[in-house]
Amino acid sequence: MAGLELALINDIHTLVGHRLIGVSVLNAPSSSGQLRKAQVVGVEADAMGERCDVVLNVDPPGTFRGDSGMLWLTEDGRAAAIHSRGEVMAGMQGSRLTTAMSALRLTIALGVRLVLG
């Protein structure tokens, strides 16, 4: 109840070309941190054979199994997207190409608020 409601990106089209930051619950293999950074390369697009709201090119080490549901934030702290899926990579290599659902669409579909607390 004491958490602050996160501001949401209302128009995902404004994200194209911008950088997003996510904090994973996982420490990535061969990395000491949970921070993920990515560039938005598309919105309302087809990627990896399915339709998605946001397509991201994630900086190394990429994303990993278990990152699903991770919140992607703009550099000014607004909720942009929820991580959905990464391309399948061999071995311990992380996924560079990933897809995400609009944070706004998620809050509407589930009837929830995103809070920081």
N, C-alpha and C. Protein backbone atom coordinates (compact mmCIF):
# COMPACT_ATOMS: atom_id res chain seq x y z
N MET A 1 0.81 -1.19 0.00
CA MET A 1 0.00 0.00 0.00
C MET A 1 0.86 1.26 0.00
N ALA A 2 2.10 1.17 0.49
CA ALA A 2 2.96 2.35 0.56
C ALA A 2 3.77 2.54 -0.72
N GLY A 3 3.67 1.59 -1.68
CA GLY A 3 4.44 1.69 -2.91
C GLY A 3 3.95 2.81 -3.80
N LEU A 4 4.85 3.31 -4.62
CA LEU A 4 4.51 4.36 -5.59
C LEU A 4 4.15 3.72 -6.92
N GLU A 5 3.03 4.16 -7.51
CA GLU A 5 2.61 3.63 -8.79
C GLU A 5 3.57 4.09 -9.88
N LEU A 6 4.00 3.16 -10.71
CA LEU A 6 4.91 3.48 -11.81
C LEU A 6 4.17 4.16 -12.95
N ALA A 7 4.79 5.15 -13.54
CA ALA A 7 4.25 5.75 -14.75
C ALA A 7 4.43 4.75 -15.88
N LEU A 8 3.48 4.70 -16.79
CA LEU A 8 3.50 3.76 -17.90
C LEU A 8 3.72 4.48 -19.22
N ILE A 9 4.34 3.81 -20.16
CA ILE A 9 4.45 4.32 -21.53
C ILE A 9 3.08 4.12 -22.18
N ASN A 10 2.47 5.21 -22.60
CA ASN A 10 1.14 5.14 -23.21
C ASN A 10 1.19 4.78 -24.69
N ASP A 11 2.25 5.15 -25.38
CA ASP A 11 2.37 4.88 -26.81
C ASP A 11 3.68 4.16 -27.07
N ILE A 12 3.61 2.86 -27.30
CA ILE A 12 4.85 2.09 -27.47
C ILE A 12 5.63 2.50 -28.71
N HIS A 13 4.98 3.16 -29.65
CA HIS A 13 5.69 3.61 -30.86
C HIS A 13 6.80 4.61 -30.52
N THR A 14 6.67 5.31 -29.41
CA THR A 14 7.69 6.27 -29.00
C THR A 14 8.96 5.58 -28.51
N LEU A 15 8.90 4.27 -28.29
CA LEU A 15 10.05 3.53 -27.77
C LEU A 15 11.08 3.15 -28.83
N VAL A 16 10.68 3.10 -30.08
CA VAL A 16 11.57 2.62 -31.14
C VAL A 16 12.86 3.44 -31.15
N GLY A 17 13.99 2.72 -31.11
CA GLY A 17 15.31 3.35 -31.11
C GLY A 17 15.81 3.73 -29.73
N HIS A 18 14.97 3.63 -28.72
CA HIS A 18 15.37 4.01 -27.35
C HIS A 18 15.89 2.81 -26.57
N ARG A 19 16.61 3.11 -25.52
CA ARG A 19 17.20 2.09 -24.65
C ARG A 19 16.27 1.82 -23.47
N LEU A 20 16.19 0.55 -23.07
CA LEU A 20 15.43 0.15 -21.90
C LEU A 20 16.37 -0.57 -20.93
N ILE A 21 15.97 -0.56 -19.67
CA ILE A 21 16.76 -1.19 -18.61
C ILE A 21 15.84 -2.16 -17.87
N GLY A 22 16.33 -3.36 -17.64
CA GLY A 22 15.59 -4.35 -16.87
C GLY A 22 16.46 -4.92 -15.77
N VAL A 23 15.84 -5.26 -14.67
CA VAL A 23 16.58 -5.92 -13.59
C VAL A 23 16.00 -7.31 -13.45
N SER A 24 16.83 -8.29 -13.74
CA SER A 24 16.40 -9.68 -13.70
C SER A 24 16.52 -10.22 -12.28
N VAL A 25 15.79 -11.28 -12.01
CA VAL A 25 15.97 -11.99 -10.74
C VAL A 25 17.19 -12.90 -10.82
N LEU A 26 17.75 -13.04 -12.02
CA LEU A 26 18.88 -13.94 -12.24
C LEU A 26 20.19 -13.18 -12.37
N ASN A 27 21.27 -13.77 -11.88
CA ASN A 27 22.60 -13.33 -12.26
C ASN A 27 22.93 -14.09 -13.54
N ALA A 28 23.19 -13.37 -14.61
CA ALA A 28 23.47 -14.02 -15.89
C ALA A 28 24.77 -14.81 -15.81
N PRO A 29 24.83 -15.96 -16.48
CA PRO A 29 26.09 -16.71 -16.54
C PRO A 29 27.22 -15.81 -17.05
N SER A 30 28.38 -15.98 -16.51
CA SER A 30 29.59 -15.21 -16.85
C SER A 30 29.40 -13.71 -16.63
N SER A 31 28.53 -13.35 -15.73
CA SER A 31 28.30 -11.95 -15.41
C SER A 31 28.03 -11.86 -13.91
N SER A 32 28.36 -10.75 -13.32
CA SER A 32 28.15 -10.62 -11.88
C SER A 32 26.88 -9.85 -11.55
N GLY A 33 26.09 -9.51 -12.56
CA GLY A 33 24.95 -8.65 -12.28
C GLY A 33 23.64 -9.13 -12.83
N GLN A 34 22.59 -8.47 -12.39
CA GLN A 34 21.24 -8.79 -12.82
C GLN A 34 20.70 -7.79 -13.82
N LEU A 35 21.44 -6.72 -14.06
CA LEU A 35 21.00 -5.66 -14.95
C LEU A 35 21.05 -6.11 -16.41
N ARG A 36 19.98 -5.80 -17.14
CA ARG A 36 19.94 -6.05 -18.58
C ARG A 36 19.68 -4.71 -19.26
N LYS A 37 20.30 -4.48 -20.40
CA LYS A 37 20.06 -3.27 -21.18
C LYS A 37 19.74 -3.69 -22.61
N ALA A 38 18.82 -2.93 -23.24
CA ALA A 38 18.39 -3.32 -24.57
C ALA A 38 17.96 -2.10 -25.37
N GLN A 39 17.97 -2.26 -26.68
CA GLN A 39 17.48 -1.24 -27.60
C GLN A 39 16.19 -1.76 -28.22
N VAL A 40 15.18 -0.90 -28.28
CA VAL A 40 13.92 -1.26 -28.92
C VAL A 40 14.12 -1.17 -30.44
N VAL A 41 13.91 -2.30 -31.12
CA VAL A 41 14.12 -2.33 -32.57
C VAL A 41 12.81 -2.43 -33.34
N GLY A 42 11.70 -2.64 -32.63
CA GLY A 42 10.41 -2.71 -33.30
C GLY A 42 9.27 -2.75 -32.33
N VAL A 43 8.09 -2.35 -32.79
CA VAL A 43 6.87 -2.45 -31.99
C VAL A 43 5.74 -2.96 -32.88
N GLU A 44 4.76 -3.59 -32.25
CA GLU A 44 3.65 -4.19 -32.98
C GLU A 44 4.18 -4.94 -34.19
N ALA A 45 5.02 -5.93 -33.93
CA ALA A 45 5.76 -6.60 -34.99
C ALA A 45 5.65 -8.11 -34.87
N ASP A 46 6.11 -8.79 -35.92
CA ASP A 46 6.26 -10.24 -35.89
C ASP A 46 7.73 -10.52 -35.61
N ALA A 47 7.98 -11.36 -34.62
CA ALA A 47 9.35 -11.76 -34.29
C ALA A 47 9.31 -13.19 -33.77
N MET A 48 10.26 -13.98 -34.18
CA MET A 48 10.36 -15.37 -33.78
C MET A 48 9.05 -16.13 -34.04
N GLY A 49 8.39 -15.78 -35.15
CA GLY A 49 7.21 -16.50 -35.58
C GLY A 49 5.92 -16.15 -34.88
N GLU A 50 5.91 -15.07 -34.09
CA GLU A 50 4.66 -14.67 -33.44
C GLU A 50 4.54 -13.16 -33.35
N ARG A 51 3.35 -12.69 -33.13
CA ARG A 51 3.09 -11.26 -33.01
C ARG A 51 3.43 -10.82 -31.60
N CYS A 52 4.04 -9.63 -31.47
CA CYS A 52 4.40 -9.11 -30.15
C CYS A 52 4.28 -7.60 -30.13
N ASP A 53 4.26 -7.04 -28.92
CA ASP A 53 4.18 -5.59 -28.77
C ASP A 53 5.52 -4.92 -29.00
N VAL A 54 6.58 -5.48 -28.39
CA VAL A 54 7.90 -4.84 -28.42
C VAL A 54 8.97 -5.88 -28.77
N VAL A 55 9.90 -5.50 -29.66
CA VAL A 55 11.04 -6.35 -30.00
C VAL A 55 12.29 -5.63 -29.53
N LEU A 56 13.14 -6.37 -28.81
CA LEU A 56 14.34 -5.79 -28.21
C LEU A 56 15.60 -6.50 -28.70
N ASN A 57 16.67 -5.73 -28.86
CA ASN A 57 18.01 -6.26 -29.09
C ASN A 57 18.77 -6.03 -27.79
N VAL A 58 19.00 -7.11 -27.05
CA VAL A 58 19.56 -7.03 -25.70
C VAL A 58 21.09 -7.07 -25.75
N ASP A 59 21.71 -6.16 -25.00
CA ASP A 59 23.17 -6.15 -24.88
C ASP A 59 23.64 -7.45 -24.24
N PRO A 60 24.87 -7.90 -24.56
CA PRO A 60 25.43 -9.07 -23.88
C PRO A 60 25.43 -8.86 -22.37
N PRO A 61 25.12 -9.82 -21.57
CA PRO A 61 25.06 -11.24 -21.93
C PRO A 61 23.71 -11.69 -22.47
N GLY A 62 22.75 -10.81 -22.67
CA GLY A 62 21.44 -11.18 -23.20
C GLY A 62 20.48 -11.55 -22.08
N THR A 63 19.40 -12.23 -22.47
CA THR A 63 18.43 -12.72 -21.50
C THR A 63 18.51 -14.23 -21.44
N PHE A 64 17.98 -14.79 -20.35
CA PHE A 64 18.09 -16.22 -20.10
C PHE A 64 16.77 -16.78 -19.62
N ARG A 65 16.65 -18.11 -19.70
CA ARG A 65 15.47 -18.79 -19.16
C ARG A 65 15.31 -18.35 -17.71
N GLY A 66 14.13 -17.88 -17.36
CA GLY A 66 13.88 -17.36 -16.02
C GLY A 66 13.71 -15.85 -16.01
N ASP A 67 14.06 -15.17 -17.11
CA ASP A 67 13.88 -13.72 -17.20
C ASP A 67 12.46 -13.33 -17.59
N SER A 68 11.64 -14.29 -17.97
CA SER A 68 10.26 -13.98 -18.35
C SER A 68 9.55 -13.26 -17.21
N GLY A 69 8.82 -12.22 -17.56
CA GLY A 69 8.12 -11.42 -16.56
C GLY A 69 8.92 -10.24 -16.06
N MET A 70 10.19 -10.15 -16.47
CA MET A 70 11.04 -9.03 -16.05
C MET A 70 10.47 -7.73 -16.61
N LEU A 71 10.47 -6.69 -15.80
CA LEU A 71 9.96 -5.38 -16.20
C LEU A 71 11.06 -4.59 -16.88
N TRP A 72 10.77 -4.10 -18.09
CA TRP A 72 11.68 -3.23 -18.82
C TRP A 72 11.25 -1.79 -18.58
N LEU A 73 12.18 -0.96 -18.14
CA LEU A 73 11.92 0.45 -17.82
C LEU A 73 12.67 1.37 -18.77
N THR A 74 12.11 2.54 -19.00
CA THR A 74 12.83 3.56 -19.75
C THR A 74 13.93 4.11 -18.84
N GLU A 75 14.85 4.85 -19.42
CA GLU A 75 15.94 5.41 -18.62
C GLU A 75 15.44 6.40 -17.57
N ASP A 76 14.23 6.97 -17.78
CA ASP A 76 13.67 7.87 -16.77
C ASP A 76 12.71 7.16 -15.81
N GLY A 77 12.68 5.82 -15.85
CA GLY A 77 11.94 5.05 -14.86
C GLY A 77 10.49 4.72 -15.16
N ARG A 78 10.03 4.95 -16.40
CA ARG A 78 8.66 4.59 -16.74
C ARG A 78 8.59 3.13 -17.19
N ALA A 79 7.51 2.44 -16.81
CA ALA A 79 7.32 1.04 -17.19
C ALA A 79 6.97 0.96 -18.67
N ALA A 80 7.77 0.20 -19.41
CA ALA A 80 7.58 0.11 -20.86
C ALA A 80 7.03 -1.24 -21.28
N ALA A 81 7.63 -2.33 -20.79
CA ALA A 81 7.26 -3.65 -21.30
C ALA A 81 7.59 -4.74 -20.28
N ILE A 82 6.97 -5.89 -20.49
CA ILE A 82 7.21 -7.08 -19.66
C ILE A 82 7.84 -8.13 -20.57
N HIS A 83 9.02 -8.61 -20.18
CA HIS A 83 9.76 -9.58 -20.99
C HIS A 83 8.95 -10.86 -21.18
N SER A 84 8.90 -11.32 -22.43
CA SER A 84 8.14 -12.53 -22.74
C SER A 84 9.02 -13.70 -23.17
N ARG A 85 9.84 -13.48 -24.20
CA ARG A 85 10.51 -14.62 -24.82
C ARG A 85 11.82 -14.18 -25.46
N GLY A 86 12.80 -15.07 -25.42
CA GLY A 86 14.06 -14.84 -26.10
C GLY A 86 14.28 -15.91 -27.16
N GLU A 87 15.10 -15.56 -28.14
CA GLU A 87 15.42 -16.56 -29.17
C GLU A 87 16.16 -17.72 -28.54
N VAL A 88 16.01 -18.90 -29.08
CA VAL A 88 16.67 -20.08 -28.54
C VAL A 88 18.14 -20.05 -28.95
N MET A 89 19.01 -20.11 -27.96
CA MET A 89 20.45 -20.09 -28.21
C MET A 89 21.07 -21.36 -27.64
N ALA A 90 22.12 -21.84 -28.27
CA ALA A 90 22.79 -23.06 -27.82
C ALA A 90 23.64 -22.79 -26.58
N GLY A 91 23.71 -23.78 -25.70
CA GLY A 91 24.59 -23.69 -24.52
C GLY A 91 24.16 -22.61 -23.54
N MET A 92 25.14 -21.95 -22.95
CA MET A 92 24.90 -20.94 -21.93
C MET A 92 24.82 -19.54 -22.52
N GLN A 93 24.74 -19.44 -23.82
CA GLN A 93 24.70 -18.14 -24.48
C GLN A 93 23.32 -17.51 -24.28
N GLY A 94 23.31 -16.21 -23.97
CA GLY A 94 22.06 -15.50 -23.75
C GLY A 94 21.38 -15.10 -25.05
N SER A 95 20.09 -14.83 -24.96
CA SER A 95 19.31 -14.41 -26.13
C SER A 95 19.49 -12.92 -26.36
N ARG A 96 19.86 -12.55 -27.57
CA ARG A 96 19.98 -11.13 -27.93
C ARG A 96 18.63 -10.60 -28.41
N LEU A 97 17.92 -11.37 -29.23
CA LEU A 97 16.63 -10.96 -29.75
C LEU A 97 15.55 -11.45 -28.77
N THR A 98 14.77 -10.52 -28.25
CA THR A 98 13.72 -10.89 -27.30
C THR A 98 12.44 -10.12 -27.62
N THR A 99 11.34 -10.64 -27.12
CA THR A 99 10.04 -9.99 -27.30
C THR A 99 9.45 -9.65 -25.94
N ALA A 100 8.54 -8.69 -25.95
CA ALA A 100 7.92 -8.25 -24.71
C ALA A 100 6.50 -7.76 -24.97
N MET A 101 5.72 -7.73 -23.90
CA MET A 101 4.34 -7.22 -23.95
C MET A 101 4.33 -5.81 -23.39
N SER A 102 3.55 -4.95 -23.97
CA SER A 102 3.40 -3.59 -23.46
C SER A 102 2.97 -3.62 -21.99
N ALA A 103 3.65 -2.86 -21.15
CA ALA A 103 3.28 -2.79 -19.73
C ALA A 103 1.88 -2.22 -19.56
N LEU A 104 1.52 -1.25 -20.38
CA LEU A 104 0.17 -0.68 -20.32
C LEU A 104 -0.88 -1.73 -20.65
N ARG A 105 -0.65 -2.47 -21.73
CA ARG A 105 -1.61 -3.50 -22.13
C ARG A 105 -1.75 -4.57 -21.05
N LEU A 106 -0.63 -4.93 -20.42
CA LEU A 106 -0.66 -5.91 -19.34
C LEU A 106 -1.52 -5.42 -18.17
N THR A 107 -1.34 -4.17 -17.76
CA THR A 107 -2.10 -3.66 -16.62
C THR A 107 -3.60 -3.62 -16.93
N ILE A 108 -3.94 -3.30 -18.18
CA ILE A 108 -5.35 -3.28 -18.57
C ILE A 108 -5.92 -4.70 -18.60
N ALA A 109 -5.18 -5.63 -19.21
CA ALA A 109 -5.65 -7.01 -19.35
C ALA A 109 -5.83 -7.69 -17.99
N LEU A 110 -4.92 -7.43 -17.06
CA LEU A 110 -4.98 -8.08 -15.75
C LEU A 110 -5.69 -7.25 -14.69
N GLY A 111 -5.96 -5.99 -15.00
CA GLY A 111 -6.62 -5.12 -14.02
C GLY A 111 -5.76 -4.85 -12.79
N VAL A 112 -4.46 -4.61 -13.03
CA VAL A 112 -3.52 -4.36 -11.93
C VAL A 112 -2.82 -3.03 -12.11
N ARG A 113 -2.16 -2.56 -11.04
CA ARG A 113 -1.28 -1.40 -11.10
C ARG A 113 0.14 -1.90 -10.87
N LEU A 114 1.09 -1.27 -11.50
CA LEU A 114 2.50 -1.59 -11.25
C LEU A 114 3.01 -0.58 -10.22
N VAL A 115 3.55 -1.10 -9.12
CA VAL A 115 4.04 -0.22 -8.06
C VAL A 115 5.49 -0.53 -7.75
N LEU A 116 6.17 0.49 -7.31
CA LEU A 116 7.56 0.35 -6.86
C LEU A 116 7.54 0.47 -5.36
N GLY A 117 8.00 -0.54 -4.69
CA GLY A 117 7.91 -0.45 -3.25
C GLY A 117 8.74 -1.37 -2.53
